[in-house]
Amino acid sequence: MKSYDPGSGDGVLVDEVNFNDIDLADNALEGSIFRMLRPGQRVQYTLDDEGHATTLRLGSEVDMSTPDL
């Protein structure tokens, strides 16, 4: 997570492969275990048809290794 505003639900992720910013979809937290997101938190996600992150899941060092640069 790069940033998240719990009041509005707006948030931005940073893709770890190409370092692009990805906006959260309006319903990104629906059905997930998340009620709050914090900067630096690792998450997995799916992109919707508009290129927004949705279906957030917990990320970890094991399943989301740091890319080789």
Protein backbone atom coordinates (compact mmCIF):
# COMPACT_ATOMS: atom_id res chain seq x y z
CA MET A 1 0.00 0.00 0.00
CA LYS A 2 1.23 3.42 -0.88
CA SER A 3 -1.64 5.36 0.69
CA TYR A 4 -5.17 4.84 1.98
CA ASP A 5 -7.85 7.22 3.28
CA PRO A 6 -10.32 5.31 5.49
CA GLY A 7 -12.85 8.14 5.31
CA SER A 8 -13.22 8.13 1.54
CA GLY A 9 -11.93 4.61 0.82
CA ASP A 10 -9.50 6.03 -1.73
CA GLY A 11 -6.17 4.29 -1.93
CA VAL A 12 -3.14 3.68 -4.11
CA LEU A 13 -1.00 0.55 -4.44
CA VAL A 14 2.45 0.32 -5.98
CA ASP A 15 2.95 -2.62 -8.33
CA GLU A 16 6.14 -4.37 -7.21
CA VAL A 17 7.09 -5.49 -10.71
CA ASN A 18 6.94 -2.23 -12.67
CA PHE A 19 6.43 0.26 -9.78
CA ASN A 20 3.28 1.76 -11.35
CA ASP A 21 0.65 3.32 -9.10
CA ILE A 22 -2.67 1.46 -9.12
CA ASP A 23 -5.84 3.01 -7.70
CA LEU A 24 -8.14 0.93 -5.52
CA ALA A 25 -11.55 0.09 -6.95
CA ASP A 26 -14.51 1.54 -5.03
CA ASN A 27 -15.36 -1.94 -3.69
CA ALA A 28 -11.78 -3.13 -3.12
CA LEU A 29 -12.33 -4.02 0.55
CA GLU A 30 -15.78 -5.61 0.18
CA GLY A 31 -15.70 -9.27 1.15
CA SER A 32 -12.09 -9.05 2.34
CA ILE A 33 -10.69 -9.35 5.85
CA PHE A 34 -9.46 -5.75 5.62
CA ARG A 35 -11.21 -2.90 7.40
CA MET A 36 -8.18 -0.63 7.25
CA LEU A 37 -5.01 -0.50 5.16
CA ARG A 38 -1.71 1.06 6.15
CA PRO A 39 1.19 2.37 4.04
CA GLY A 40 3.77 -0.34 3.43
CA GLN A 41 1.27 -3.16 3.91
CA ARG A 42 1.72 -5.95 1.36
CA VAL A 43 -1.42 -7.13 -0.42
CA GLN A 44 -2.32 -9.25 -3.38
CA TYR A 45 -5.04 -8.00 -5.71
CA THR A 46 -6.87 -8.52 -8.97
CA LEU A 47 -7.27 -5.79 -11.59
CA ASP A 48 -10.80 -4.99 -12.72
CA ASP A 49 -11.73 -3.98 -16.29
CA GLU A 50 -10.80 -0.37 -15.56
CA GLY A 51 -7.34 -1.24 -14.20
CA HIS A 52 -8.24 -0.66 -10.54
CA ALA A 53 -7.15 -3.02 -7.76
CA THR A 54 -9.94 -5.16 -6.31
CA THR A 55 -10.32 -8.42 -4.35
CA LEU A 56 -7.56 -7.56 -1.88
CA ARG A 57 -5.90 -10.45 -0.04
CA LEU A 58 -3.07 -10.66 2.44
CA GLY A 59 0.41 -10.61 0.93
CA SER A 60 3.59 -11.98 2.44
CA GLU A 61 7.28 -12.25 1.77
CA VAL A 62 6.77 -15.88 0.70
CA ASP A 63 4.08 -15.38 -1.93
CA MET A 64 5.18 -11.89 -3.03
CA SER A 65 8.93 -11.99 -3.28
CA THR A 66 10.89 -8.83 -3.95
CA PRO A 67 11.58 -8.47 -7.68
CA ASP A 68 15.13 -8.71 -9.00
CA LEU A 69 16.35 -5.30 -10.14
